[in-house]
Amino acid sequence: MSSDSAPTAAPPLPPSAWQRFLDGDVFHSFRNNPVAIGAAIVAAIMVLGALFAPLVSPHDPFDLKTLDLNNSLFPPAWTEAGQRAFPLGTDDQGRDVLSTILYGSRISLLVGLLSVAFAMVMGVSLGLLSGYLGGRLDAFIMRVADVQLSFPAILIALLINGVARAALPSNANMDALSIAVLIGSIGLANWVQYARTVRGSTLVEKNREYVQAARVIGVKPMSIMLRHVLPNVLGPVLVIATINVATAIITEATLSFLGVGVPPTSPSLGTMINNGNNFLYSGEWWLVVFPGAALIALCMSVNLLGDWLRDALNPKLQ
């Protein structure tokens, strides 16, 4: 026996999940797409500004002790009558417009993200049940979806919002419940596309060999749907959810502009635009322009990211 045989080398460690992501096709597509990078930067600035609004905003628009009506309707700082303390001017209550945009973006993002999450959970669940079980349940869910698709989403949200407000007791604190009602109404207006997309993918996946094998060995249908079918139908859902965040934010802004969304005590971007619209013809243009520009920048950046994600996850474009 030879005593000078070399020791065997240890096998290399498998790459981490983060390393696999950095080496994957999705990040490679993002790295080579200037539009997606620019949209991600704008969206990150908007989201971080909203999350850290108490730290980065010049003033607290909800602190009544700091509000002074003598500071109302100041134009932006670079104009002749502007004040350096208020970079984008002030509104009719003396609140700094920049600070109000940062705080209002928090509410718009909260409503947009939670309503999309609610619509996604509801739509994916119903679509999975409809596609896998079929029969009368499938027919019923799809007919309800077809009826809802015949109406605009904003009209459905208005209807659900009005019914929910009418059903609540008269002594309820509507300011506290209005955001929850708004999230529910927008979510119920947008579940259909998730359900139809997941149903179509489930009809294909449930006939695959791995599902048939799971049935043969006695796996329960609920376990098959959750552990085997669901992970394989989530790709298109993530793309729809990304694009729908911008749609939900615009829907919230529209409802708030119409006066049935976020209460005036918790201003969102839509509430600010609605308030500024009352002063537009008297020359206070900054009350509409800056909140509108923030809304456009946020929604456009999220839409561009959704378009990039759709192309990056499309195998036909690889």
Foldseek 3Di string as FASTA:
>chain_A
DDPPDDDDDDDDDDDDPVVCVCVDLLVVLCVPDPLLVVLVVLQVVLVVLLVPLVPPPLDAQLPPVPWDQVQALAAAQPDPRHDPSQRHGHHNRRGRLRSLASPQSNLLLVLLQLLLVLLLVVQLVLLLCLQQVPDPSVVVVVVVLVVLVVDDLLVQLVVQLVVVVVPDDPPDDCLVCQSVSSSPSSNVSPNSVSSVQLSVQSNVQCPDPVNVVCVVVPNDPVCCSPPPSVVVRCLVVVLVSLLSSLVSSVSQLVCLLVVSHNDPSRHHLSVQLNSVVVCCVVPSVSSNVVSVVSSCSNNVSSNSNSVSSVLSPDPVND
